[in-house]
């Protein structure tokens, strides 16, 4: 007599597949005895395989016979941290599949391009970013919308920063659904990213801190300077004619001892080329944006006068 663990090597399977290898009555006994659990309509799992995100995701795809989408696809691709919320899948318009207790079922008339992530079929990232963004801007349908907005926003920034997805690809997906929820906000974010913003702190800096005309000349974002040892330094904001650089130091990339040492070495190398580097911490930027702006303006003006 086979055991449940022998028939579910991945811990999760369709009930019909398990019954085909054992029998319908055997599966019924295992369910009654708690040796198997029904985790979605037609999907069973071993008792110790019902909490892990990967197993829940596999159960969702087996139930829907469809790929993960929205936040779930972004999670499988490593662009969003794992959460305890429902799994998302997308099926064609011709299917009338209901939501399950742990599964949101979305319907779409557009062709779904998919990729494989750790054995799971998922909607490709650019489409998933737009779908997840729209869902996060639909509070009437999505009770978790407010909490999900920051997750999806960070996913867009991170995906483009790491080149997992190109900003134009996300824009093209958005253009294919010109009336999706939150479109204006997504376009505005993509424009900031296109200008060179690689983090929320840099976006805050552009919107509230960095000065420009007429106070001082326009700055350049992600301005590249080749250091004496041949390495390239990409500056958060720079006034090349004054040789003034501004670095906006978020804790994620500048908080460790190693990161501070790296920053000091790079600042010293820039100094040998005549650059002045002004660094501002997250706390200073958030709590005193006008003071930071005045300091930058003063230094840029003085450097321009001295040249």
C-alpha atoms as a PDB file:
ATOM      1  CA  UNK A   1       0.000   0.000   0.000  1.00  0.00           C
ATOM      2  CA  UNK A   2       1.591   3.360  -0.999  1.00  0.00           C
ATOM      3  CA  UNK A   3       1.886   6.150   1.529  1.00  0.00           C
ATOM      4  CA  UNK A   4       0.836   9.766   0.878  1.00  0.00           C
ATOM      5  CA  UNK A   5       4.459  10.906   1.049  1.00  0.00           C
ATOM      6  CA  UNK A   6       5.331   8.434  -1.729  1.00  0.00           C
ATOM      7  CA  UNK A   7       2.715   9.891  -4.084  1.00  0.00           C
ATOM      8  CA  UNK A   8       3.351  13.579  -3.385  1.00  0.00           C
ATOM      9  CA  UNK A   9       7.111  14.105  -3.936  1.00  0.00           C
ATOM     10  CA  UNK A  10       6.549  17.866  -4.127  1.00  0.00           C
ATOM     11  CA  UNK A  11       4.183  17.845  -1.162  1.00  0.00           C
ATOM     12  CA  UNK A  12       1.245  19.174  -3.198  1.00  0.00           C
ATOM     13  CA  UNK A  13      -0.729  17.524  -6.017  1.00  0.00           C
ATOM     14  CA  UNK A  14      -4.094  17.340  -7.707  1.00  0.00           C
ATOM     15  CA  UNK A  15      -6.472  15.044  -5.872  1.00  0.00           C
ATOM     16  CA  UNK A  16      -7.337  13.272  -9.137  1.00  0.00           C
ATOM     17  CA  UNK A  17      -3.665  12.476  -9.820  1.00  0.00           C
ATOM     18  CA  UNK A  18      -3.200  10.981  -6.353  1.00  0.00           C
ATOM     19  CA  UNK A  19      -6.412   8.980  -6.709  1.00  0.00           C
ATOM     20  CA  UNK A  20      -5.220   7.624 -10.047  1.00  0.00           C
ATOM     21  CA  UNK A  21      -2.117   6.207  -8.346  1.00  0.00           C
ATOM     22  CA  UNK A  22      -3.935   4.932  -5.240  1.00  0.00           C
ATOM     23  CA  UNK A  23      -7.735   5.029  -5.364  1.00  0.00           C
ATOM     24  CA  UNK A  24     -10.524   7.476  -4.673  1.00  0.00           C
ATOM     25  CA  UNK A  25     -11.469   5.655  -1.479  1.00  0.00           C
ATOM     26  CA  UNK A  26      -7.853   5.592  -0.285  1.00  0.00           C
ATOM     27  CA  UNK A  27      -7.508   9.336  -0.788  1.00  0.00           C
ATOM     28  CA  UNK A  28     -10.767   9.776   1.108  1.00  0.00           C
ATOM     29  CA  UNK A  29      -9.381   7.769   4.037  1.00  0.00           C
ATOM     30  CA  UNK A  30      -6.163   9.778   4.069  1.00  0.00           C
ATOM     31  CA  UNK A  31      -8.154  13.003   4.142  1.00  0.00           C
ATOM     32  CA  UNK A  32     -10.380  11.715   6.948  1.00  0.00           C
ATOM     33  CA  UNK A  33      -7.327  10.650   8.959  1.00  0.00           C
ATOM     34  CA  UNK A  34      -5.512  13.962   8.418  1.00  0.00           C
ATOM     35  CA  UNK A  35      -2.704  12.330   6.434  1.00  0.00           C
ATOM     36  CA  UNK A  36      -3.674  14.599   3.548  1.00  0.00           C
ATOM     37  CA  UNK A  37      -5.265  18.029   3.633  1.00  0.00           C
ATOM     38  CA  UNK A  38      -7.509  19.649   1.031  1.00  0.00           C
ATOM     39  CA  UNK A  39      -5.769  22.999   0.449  1.00  0.00           C
ATOM     40  CA  UNK A  40      -7.814  24.147  -2.579  1.00  0.00           C
ATOM     41  CA  UNK A  41     -10.665  22.651  -4.566  1.00  0.00           C
ATOM     42  CA  UNK A  42      -9.241  19.500  -6.125  1.00  0.00           C
ATOM     43  CA  UNK A  43      -5.772  19.996  -4.604  1.00  0.00           C
ATOM     44  CA  UNK A  44      -4.309  18.056  -1.669  1.00  0.00           C
ATOM     45  CA  UNK A  45      -1.112  18.457   0.329  1.00  0.00           C
ATOM     46  CA  UNK A  46       0.869  16.714   3.026  1.00  0.00           C
ATOM     47  CA  UNK A  47       0.107  18.225   6.463  1.00  0.00           C
ATOM     48  CA  UNK A  48       3.588  19.732   6.784  1.00  0.00           C
ATOM     49  CA  UNK A  49       3.413  21.343   3.322  1.00  0.00           C
ATOM     50  CA  UNK A  50       0.583  23.820   3.774  1.00  0.00           C
ATOM     51  CA  UNK A  51       2.375  26.867   5.186  1.00  0.00           C
ATOM     52  CA  UNK A  52       5.421  27.400   2.988  1.00  0.00           C
ATOM     53  CA  UNK A  53       4.890  30.046   0.331  1.00  0.00           C
ATOM     54  CA  UNK A  54       6.206  27.774  -2.438  1.00  0.00           C
ATOM     55  CA  UNK A  55       3.714  25.034  -1.566  1.00  0.00           C
ATOM     56  CA  UNK A  56       0.807  27.466  -1.361  1.00  0.00           C
ATOM     57  CA  UNK A  57       1.853  28.880  -4.749  1.00  0.00           C
ATOM     58  CA  UNK A  58       2.041  25.424  -6.304  1.00  0.00           C
ATOM     59  CA  UNK A  59      -1.410  24.606  -4.936  1.00  0.00           C
ATOM     60  CA  UNK A  60      -2.807  27.791  -6.483  1.00  0.00           C
ATOM     61  CA  UNK A  61      -1.408  26.990  -9.930  1.00  0.00           C
ATOM     62  CA  UNK A  62      -2.708  23.413  -9.730  1.00  0.00           C
ATOM     63  CA  UNK A  63      -6.170  24.602  -8.720  1.00  0.00           C
ATOM     64  CA  UNK A  64      -6.384  27.163 -11.520  1.00  0.00           C
ATOM     65  CA  UNK A  65      -4.267  25.336 -14.107  1.00  0.00           C
ATOM     66  CA  UNK A  66      -2.880  28.805 -14.756  1.00  0.00           C
ATOM     67  CA  UNK A  67       0.255  30.847 -13.981  1.00  0.00           C
ATOM     68  CA  UNK A  68       0.908  32.974 -10.942  1.00  0.00           C
ATOM     69  CA  UNK A  69       0.359  36.661 -11.616  1.00  0.00           C
ATOM     70  CA  UNK A  70       0.291  40.075  -9.934  1.00  0.00           C
ATOM     71  CA  UNK A  71       2.161  40.177  -6.585  1.00  0.00           C
ATOM     72  CA  UNK A  72       2.542  36.390  -6.559  1.00  0.00           C
ATOM     73  CA  UNK A  73       4.486  36.418  -9.833  1.00  0.00           C
ATOM     74  CA  UNK A  74       6.695  39.220  -8.507  1.00  0.00           C
ATOM     75  CA  UNK A  75       7.286  37.221  -5.323  1.00  0.00           C
ATOM     76  CA  UNK A  76       8.302  34.130  -7.285  1.00  0.00           C
ATOM     77  CA  UNK A  77      10.695  36.304  -9.325  1.00  0.00           C
ATOM     78  CA  UNK A  78      12.273  37.667  -6.128  1.00  0.00           C
ATOM     79  CA  UNK A  79      11.046  41.233  -6.626  1.00  0.00           C
ATOM     80  CA  UNK A  80       8.644  41.291  -3.657  1.00  0.00           C
ATOM     81  CA  UNK A  81       9.084  39.806  -0.198  1.00  0.00           C
ATOM     82  CA  UNK A  82       6.864  36.884   0.687  1.00  0.00           C
ATOM     83  CA  UNK A  83       3.610  37.723   2.450  1.00  0.00           C
ATOM     84  CA  UNK A  84       0.767  35.741   3.978  1.00  0.00           C
ATOM     85  CA  UNK A  85      -1.873  37.178   1.645  1.00  0.00           C
ATOM     86  CA  UNK A  86      -3.807  35.295  -1.035  1.00  0.00           C
ATOM     87  CA  UNK A  87      -2.050  33.931  -4.113  1.00  0.00           C
ATOM     88  CA  UNK A  88      -2.873  35.488  -7.490  1.00  0.00           C
ATOM     89  CA  UNK A  89      -3.405  33.615 -10.759  1.00  0.00           C
ATOM     90  CA  UNK A  90      -4.721  34.774 -14.130  1.00  0.00           C
ATOM     91  CA  UNK A  91      -6.907  32.748 -16.489  1.00  0.00           C
ATOM     92  CA  UNK A  92      -8.492  33.483 -19.867  1.00  0.00           C
ATOM     93  CA  UNK A  93     -11.845  35.207 -20.254  1.00  0.00           C
ATOM     94  CA  UNK A  94     -13.403  31.985 -21.489  1.00  0.00           C
ATOM     95  CA  UNK A  95     -12.988  30.368 -18.067  1.00  0.00           C
ATOM     96  CA  UNK A  96     -15.405  30.932 -15.179  1.00  0.00           C
ATOM     97  CA  UNK A  97     -13.190  29.867 -12.300  1.00  0.00           C
ATOM     98  CA  UNK A  98     -14.119  31.089  -8.828  1.00  0.00           C
ATOM     99  CA  UNK A  99     -11.752  32.427  -6.198  1.00  0.00           C
ATOM    100  CA  UNK A 100     -10.641  29.878  -3.612  1.00  0.00           C
ATOM    101  CA  UNK A 101     -10.028  30.675   0.086  1.00  0.00           C
ATOM    102  CA  UNK A 102      -6.303  31.317  -0.560  1.00  0.00           C
ATOM    103  CA  UNK A 103      -6.456  32.181  -4.264  1.00  0.00           C
ATOM    104  CA  UNK A 104      -7.503  35.302  -6.176  1.00  0.00           C
ATOM    105  CA  UNK A 105      -8.496  34.429  -9.747  1.00  0.00           C
ATOM    106  CA  UNK A 106      -8.122  37.216 -12.325  1.00  0.00           C
ATOM    107  CA  UNK A 107      -9.441  36.970 -15.886  1.00  0.00           C
ATOM    108  CA  UNK A 108      -7.794  38.515 -18.932  1.00  0.00           C
ATOM    109  CA  UNK A 109      -8.436  38.536 -22.647  1.00  0.00           C
ATOM    110  CA  UNK A 110      -4.807  39.282 -23.473  1.00  0.00           C
ATOM    111  CA  UNK A 111      -2.239  36.622 -24.224  1.00  0.00           C
ATOM    112  CA  UNK A 112      -0.128  35.785 -21.184  1.00  0.00           C
ATOM    113  CA  UNK A 113       3.629  35.564 -21.701  1.00  0.00           C
ATOM    114  CA  UNK A 114       5.101  33.436 -18.913  1.00  0.00           C
ATOM    115  CA  UNK A 115       8.462  32.378 -17.498  1.00  0.00           C
ATOM    116  CA  UNK A 116       9.560  29.675 -15.051  1.00  0.00           C
ATOM    117  CA  UNK A 117      10.735  30.566 -11.547  1.00  0.00           C
ATOM    118  CA  UNK A 118      11.802  27.698  -9.258  1.00  0.00           C
ATOM    119  CA  UNK A 119       9.508  25.295 -11.049  1.00  0.00           C
ATOM    120  CA  UNK A 120       6.494  27.636 -11.040  1.00  0.00           C
ATOM    121  CA  UNK A 121       4.938  29.153 -14.142  1.00  0.00           C
ATOM    122  CA  UNK A 122       4.524  32.902 -13.663  1.00  0.00           C
ATOM    123  CA  UNK A 123       3.419  35.829 -15.801  1.00  0.00           C
ATOM    124  CA  UNK A 124       6.519  37.709 -16.983  1.00  0.00           C
ATOM    125  CA  UNK A 125       7.681  40.569 -14.710  1.00  0.00           C
ATOM    126  CA  UNK A 126       6.802  43.664 -16.781  1.00  0.00           C
ATOM    127  CA  UNK A 127       3.178  42.560 -17.152  1.00  0.00           C
ATOM    128  CA  UNK A 128       3.043  41.446 -13.513  1.00  0.00           C
ATOM    129  CA  UNK A 129       4.315  44.822 -12.314  1.00  0.00           C
ATOM    130  CA  UNK A 130       1.515  46.623 -14.144  1.00  0.00           C
ATOM    131  CA  UNK A 131      -1.135  44.116 -13.044  1.00  0.00           C
ATOM    132  CA  UNK A 132       0.013  44.318  -9.421  1.00  0.00           C
ATOM    133  CA  UNK A 133       0.158  48.118  -9.583  1.00  0.00           C
ATOM    134  CA  UNK A 134      -3.386  48.340 -10.923  1.00  0.00           C
ATOM    135  CA  UNK A 135      -4.638  45.914  -8.258  1.00  0.00           C
ATOM    136  CA  UNK A 136      -2.930  47.962  -5.530  1.00  0.00           C
ATOM    137  CA  UNK A 137      -4.787  51.046  -6.805  1.00  0.00           C
ATOM    138  CA  UNK A 138      -8.182  49.316  -6.721  1.00  0.00           C
ATOM    139  CA  UNK A 139      -9.294  49.672  -3.076  1.00  0.00           C
ATOM    140  CA  UNK A 140     -12.938  48.831  -3.780  1.00  0.00           C
ATOM    141  CA  UNK A 141     -12.009  45.353  -5.031  1.00  0.00           C
ATOM    142  CA  UNK A 142      -8.783  44.883  -3.054  1.00  0.00           C
ATOM    143  CA  UNK A 143      -9.040  45.369   0.700  1.00  0.00           C
ATOM    144  CA  UNK A 144      -5.230  45.088   0.960  1.00  0.00           C
ATOM    145  CA  UNK A 145      -4.668  47.836  -1.618  1.00  0.00           C
ATOM    146  CA  UNK A 146      -3.147  50.446   0.675  1.00  0.00           C
ATOM    147  CA  UNK A 147      -0.639  48.011   2.176  1.00  0.00           C
ATOM    148  CA  UNK A 148       0.317  46.654  -1.237  1.00  0.00           C
ATOM    149  CA  UNK A 149       1.055  50.019  -2.876  1.00  0.00           C
ATOM    150  CA  UNK A 150       4.422  50.493  -1.217  1.00  0.00           C
ATOM    151  CA  UNK A 151       5.377  46.880  -2.037  1.00  0.00           C
ATOM    152  CA  UNK A 152       4.611  47.261  -5.717  1.00  0.00           C
ATOM    153  CA  UNK A 153       6.189  50.709  -5.934  1.00  0.00           C
ATOM    154  CA  UNK A 154       9.416  49.363  -4.457  1.00  0.00           C
ATOM    155  CA  UNK A 155       9.232  46.391  -6.822  1.00  0.00           C
ATOM    156  CA  UNK A 156       9.093  48.713  -9.839  1.00  0.00           C
ATOM    157  CA  UNK A 157      12.100  50.690  -8.594  1.00  0.00           C
ATOM    158  CA  UNK A 158      14.106  47.580  -7.708  1.00  0.00           C
ATOM    159  CA  UNK A 159      13.285  45.724 -10.923  1.00  0.00           C
ATOM    160  CA  UNK A 160      14.527  48.609 -13.063  1.00  0.00           C
ATOM    161  CA  UNK A 161      17.545  49.335 -10.839  1.00  0.00           C
ATOM    162  CA  UNK A 162      18.746  45.733 -11.061  1.00  0.00           C
ATOM    163  CA  UNK A 163      17.825  45.564 -14.772  1.00  0.00           C
ATOM    164  CA  UNK A 164      15.480  42.656 -14.181  1.00  0.00           C
ATOM    165  CA  UNK A 165      13.013  44.737 -16.185  1.00  0.00           C
ATOM    166  CA  UNK A 166      13.512  47.775 -18.384  1.00  0.00           C
ATOM    167  CA  UNK A 167      11.407  50.862 -17.669  1.00  0.00           C
ATOM    168  CA  UNK A 168      10.240  51.102 -21.321  1.00  0.00           C
ATOM    169  CA  UNK A 169       8.906  47.518 -21.080  1.00  0.00           C
ATOM    170  CA  UNK A 170       6.795  48.458 -18.052  1.00  0.00           C
ATOM    171  CA  UNK A 171       5.566  51.575 -19.858  1.00  0.00           C
ATOM    172  CA  UNK A 172       4.589  49.499 -22.918  1.00  0.00           C
ATOM    173  CA  UNK A 173       2.592  47.124 -20.731  1.00  0.00           C
ATOM    174  CA  UNK A 174       0.859  50.085 -19.114  1.00  0.00           C
ATOM    175  CA  UNK A 175       0.091  51.576 -22.535  1.00  0.00           C
ATOM    176  CA  UNK A 176      -1.629  48.329 -23.516  1.00  0.00           C
ATOM    177  CA  UNK A 177      -4.075  48.968 -20.654  1.00  0.00           C
ATOM    178  CA  UNK A 178      -4.418  52.777 -20.842  1.00  0.00           C
ATOM    179  CA  UNK A 179      -7.314  52.922 -18.376  1.00  0.00           C
ATOM    180  CA  UNK A 180      -5.850  50.763 -15.615  1.00  0.00           C
ATOM    181  CA  UNK A 181      -6.063  51.999 -12.047  1.00  0.00           C
ATOM    182  CA  UNK A 182      -3.139  54.136 -10.895  1.00  0.00           C
ATOM    183  CA  UNK A 183      -1.794  54.667 -14.421  1.00  0.00           C
ATOM    184  CA  UNK A 184      -0.928  58.349 -13.938  1.00  0.00           C
ATOM    185  CA  UNK A 185       1.019  57.547 -10.769  1.00  0.00           C
ATOM    186  CA  UNK A 186       2.889  54.712 -12.495  1.00  0.00           C
ATOM    187  CA  UNK A 187       3.825  56.900 -15.466  1.00  0.00           C
ATOM    188  CA  UNK A 188       5.104  59.598 -13.089  1.00  0.00           C
ATOM    189  CA  UNK A 189       7.243  57.046 -11.236  1.00  0.00           C
ATOM    190  CA  UNK A 190       8.667  55.662 -14.481  1.00  0.00           C
ATOM    191  CA  UNK A 191       9.581  59.185 -15.581  1.00  0.00           C
ATOM    192  CA  UNK A 192      11.501  59.741 -12.330  1.00  0.00           C
ATOM    193  CA  UNK A 193      13.272  56.408 -12.767  1.00  0.00           C
ATOM    194  CA  UNK A 194      14.067  57.326 -16.355  1.00  0.00           C
ATOM    195  CA  UNK A 195      15.749  60.504 -15.132  1.00  0.00           C
ATOM    196  CA  UNK A 196      18.063  58.429 -12.945  1.00  0.00           C
ATOM    197  CA  UNK A 197      16.295  57.897  -9.596  1.00  0.00           C
ATOM    198  CA  UNK A 198      17.214  54.475  -8.190  1.00  0.00           C
ATOM    199  CA  UNK A 199      15.532  54.605  -4.784  1.00  0.00           C
ATOM    200  CA  UNK A 200      12.707  56.261  -2.892  1.00  0.00           C
ATOM    201  CA  UNK A 201      15.261  58.491  -1.187  1.00  0.00           C
ATOM    202  CA  UNK A 202      16.551  59.750  -4.529  1.00  0.00           C
ATOM    203  CA  UNK A 203      12.972  60.429  -5.606  1.00  0.00           C
ATOM    204  CA  UNK A 204      12.433  62.407  -2.410  1.00  0.00           C
ATOM    205  CA  UNK A 205      15.660  64.282  -3.117  1.00  0.00           C
ATOM    206  CA  UNK A 206      14.554  65.233  -6.623  1.00  0.00           C
ATOM    207  CA  UNK A 207      11.145  66.363  -5.425  1.00  0.00           C
ATOM    208  CA  UNK A 208      12.141  68.186  -2.229  1.00  0.00           C
ATOM    209  CA  UNK A 209      15.892  68.753  -1.882  1.00  0.00           C
ATOM    210  CA  UNK A 210      18.046  69.123  -4.988  1.00  0.00           C
ATOM    211  CA  UNK A 211      18.149  72.734  -6.244  1.00  0.00           C
ATOM    212  CA  UNK A 212      18.042  73.724  -9.882  1.00  0.00           C
ATOM    213  CA  UNK A 213      17.543  76.798 -12.064  1.00  0.00           C
ATOM    214  CA  UNK A 214      17.402  79.653 -11.467  1.00  0.00           C
ATOM    215  CA  UNK A 215      19.205  79.218  -8.129  1.00  0.00           C
ATOM    216  CA  UNK A 216      21.958  77.042  -9.650  1.00  0.00           C
ATOM    217  CA  UNK A 217      22.469  75.263 -12.982  1.00  0.00           C
ATOM    218  CA  UNK A 218      20.568  72.054 -13.656  1.00  0.00           C
ATOM    219  CA  UNK A 219      22.090  68.950 -12.090  1.00  0.00           C
ATOM    220  CA  UNK A 220      22.750  65.581 -13.698  1.00  0.00           C
ATOM    221  CA  UNK A 221      21.611  62.320 -12.133  1.00  0.00           C
ATOM    222  CA  UNK A 222      23.795  59.202 -12.133  1.00  0.00           C
ATOM    223  CA  UNK A 223      26.647  61.247 -13.623  1.00  0.00           C
ATOM    224  CA  UNK A 224      29.596  58.943 -14.273  1.00  0.00           C
ATOM    225  CA  UNK A 225      33.136  59.938 -13.315  1.00  0.00           C
ATOM    226  CA  UNK A 226      36.141  57.717 -14.046  1.00  0.00           C
ATOM    227  CA  UNK A 227      38.363  57.544 -10.942  1.00  0.00           C
ATOM    228  CA  UNK A 228      42.195  57.521 -11.049  1.00  0.00           C
ATOM    229  CA  UNK A 229      42.289  53.722 -10.648  1.00  0.00           C
ATOM    230  CA  UNK A 230      39.974  53.244 -13.643  1.00  0.00           C
ATOM    231  CA  UNK A 231      36.809  52.489 -11.654  1.00  0.00           C
ATOM    232  CA  UNK A 232      33.613  54.358 -12.512  1.00  0.00           C
ATOM    233  CA  UNK A 233      31.658  56.330  -9.906  1.00  0.00           C
ATOM    234  CA  UNK A 234      28.000  57.095 -10.652  1.00  0.00           C
ATOM    235  CA  UNK A 235      26.990  60.177  -8.668  1.00  0.00           C
ATOM    236  CA  UNK A 236      23.424  60.568  -7.369  1.00  0.00           C
ATOM    237  CA  UNK A 237      23.425  64.219  -8.462  1.00  0.00           C
ATOM    238  CA  UNK A 238      26.236  66.298  -9.911  1.00  0.00           C
ATOM    239  CA  UNK A 239      27.072  69.777 -11.132  1.00  0.00           C
ATOM    240  CA  UNK A 240      30.059  68.942 -13.388  1.00  0.00           C
ATOM    241  CA  UNK A 241      30.897  72.581 -14.134  1.00  0.00           C
ATOM    242  CA  UNK A 242      31.322  73.191 -10.384  1.00  0.00           C
ATOM    243  CA  UNK A 243      32.611  69.673  -9.633  1.00  0.00           C
ATOM    244  CA  UNK A 244      30.081  69.275  -6.828  1.00  0.00           C
ATOM    245  CA  UNK A 245      28.465  65.909  -6.155  1.00  0.00           C
ATOM    246  CA  UNK A 246      25.563  65.124  -3.839  1.00  0.00           C
ATOM    247  CA  UNK A 247      25.103  61.632  -2.419  1.00  0.00           C
ATOM    248  CA  UNK A 248      21.806  60.673  -0.782  1.00  0.00           C
ATOM    249  CA  UNK A 249      22.675  57.968   1.725  1.00  0.00           C
ATOM    250  CA  UNK A 250      19.924  55.475   2.434  1.00  0.00           C
ATOM    251  CA  UNK A 251      20.489  52.897   5.181  1.00  0.00           C
ATOM    252  CA  UNK A 252      20.090  49.963   2.768  1.00  0.00           C
ATOM    253  CA  UNK A 253      23.297  50.764   0.855  1.00  0.00           C
ATOM    254  CA  UNK A 254      25.275  53.023   3.173  1.00  0.00           C
ATOM    255  CA  UNK A 255      24.549  51.853   6.721  1.00  0.00           C
ATOM    256  CA  UNK A 256      27.243  49.215   7.297  1.00  0.00           C
ATOM    257  CA  UNK A 257      30.854  49.795   8.301  1.00  0.00           C
ATOM    258  CA  UNK A 258      32.010  48.320   4.987  1.00  0.00           C
ATOM    259  CA  UNK A 259      29.722  50.649   3.054  1.00  0.00           C
ATOM    260  CA  UNK A 260      30.988  53.695   4.937  1.00  0.00           C
ATOM    261  CA  UNK A 261      34.588  52.687   4.245  1.00  0.00           C
ATOM    262  CA  UNK A 262      33.731  52.235   0.556  1.00  0.00           C
ATOM    263  CA  UNK A 263      32.109  55.687   0.458  1.00  0.00           C
ATOM    264  CA  UNK A 264      35.128  57.329   2.111  1.00  0.00           C
ATOM    265  CA  UNK A 265      37.522  55.745  -0.357  1.00  0.00           C
ATOM    266  CA  UNK A 266      35.410  56.871  -3.291  1.00  0.00           C
ATOM    267  CA  UNK A 267      35.058  60.416  -1.901  1.00  0.00           C
ATOM    268  CA  UNK A 268      38.842  60.637  -1.485  1.00  0.00           C
ATOM    269  CA  UNK A 269      39.356  59.462  -5.060  1.00  0.00           C
ATOM    270  CA  UNK A 270      36.906  62.092  -6.305  1.00  0.00           C
ATOM    271  CA  UNK A 271      38.692  64.741  -4.267  1.00  0.00           C
ATOM    272  CA  UNK A 272      41.937  64.023  -6.143  1.00  0.00           C
ATOM    273  CA  UNK A 273      40.029  64.990  -9.297  1.00  0.00           C
ATOM    274  CA  UNK A 274      38.840  68.247  -7.750  1.00  0.00           C
ATOM    275  CA  UNK A 275      35.342  67.126  -6.748  1.00  0.00           C
ATOM    276  CA  UNK A 276      33.562  68.103  -3.534  1.00  0.00           C
ATOM    277  CA  UNK A 277      31.147  65.447  -2.295  1.00  0.00           C
ATOM    278  CA  UNK A 278      28.236  66.463  -0.061  1.00  0.00           C
ATOM    279  CA  UNK A 279      26.641  63.499   1.734  1.00  0.00           C
ATOM    280  CA  UNK A 280      23.245  63.655   3.405  1.00  0.00           C
ATOM    281  CA  UNK A 281      21.794  60.942   5.624  1.00  0.00           C
ATOM    282  CA  UNK A 282      18.225  59.729   5.379  1.00  0.00           C
ATOM    283  CA  UNK A 283      17.356  61.407   8.698  1.00  0.00           C
ATOM    284  CA  UNK A 284      18.805  64.752   7.654  1.00  0.00           C
ATOM    285  CA  UNK A 285      17.113  64.710   4.265  1.00  0.00           C
ATOM    286  CA  UNK A 286      13.690  63.831   5.656  1.00  0.00           C
ATOM    287  CA  UNK A 287      13.828  66.148   8.663  1.00  0.00           C
ATOM    288  CA  UNK A 288      15.567  69.165   7.093  1.00  0.00           C
ATOM    289  CA  UNK A 289      15.121  69.183   3.309  1.00  0.00           C
ATOM    290  CA  UNK A 290      15.245  72.980   3.026  1.00  0.00           C
ATOM    291  CA  UNK A 291      18.440  73.155   5.076  1.00  0.00           C
ATOM    292  CA  UNK A 292      20.031  70.533   2.810  1.00  0.00           C
ATOM    293  CA  UNK A 293      18.943  72.489  -0.265  1.00  0.00           C
ATOM    294  CA  UNK A 294      20.465  75.720   1.067  1.00  0.00           C
ATOM    295  CA  UNK A 295      23.785  74.003   1.782  1.00  0.00           C
ATOM    296  CA  UNK A 296      23.942  72.579  -1.716  1.00  0.00           C
ATOM    297  CA  UNK A 297      23.088  75.912  -3.317  1.00  0.00           C
ATOM    298  CA  UNK A 298      25.774  77.692  -1.282  1.00  0.00           C
ATOM    299  CA  UNK A 299      28.510  75.224  -2.194  1.00  0.00           C
ATOM    300  CA  UNK A 300      27.609  75.088  -5.889  1.00  0.00           C
ATOM    301  CA  UNK A 301      27.504  78.891  -6.164  1.00  0.00           C
ATOM    302  CA  UNK A 302      30.823  79.315  -4.369  1.00  0.00           C
ATOM    303  CA  UNK A 303      32.518  76.675  -6.499  1.00  0.00           C
ATOM    304  CA  UNK A 304      31.253  78.320  -9.677  1.00  0.00           C
ATOM    305  CA  UNK A 305      32.602  81.695  -8.544  1.00  0.00           C
ATOM    306  CA  UNK A 306      36.004  80.213  -7.649  1.00  0.00           C
ATOM    307  CA  UNK A 307      36.562  78.469 -10.980  1.00  0.00           C
END
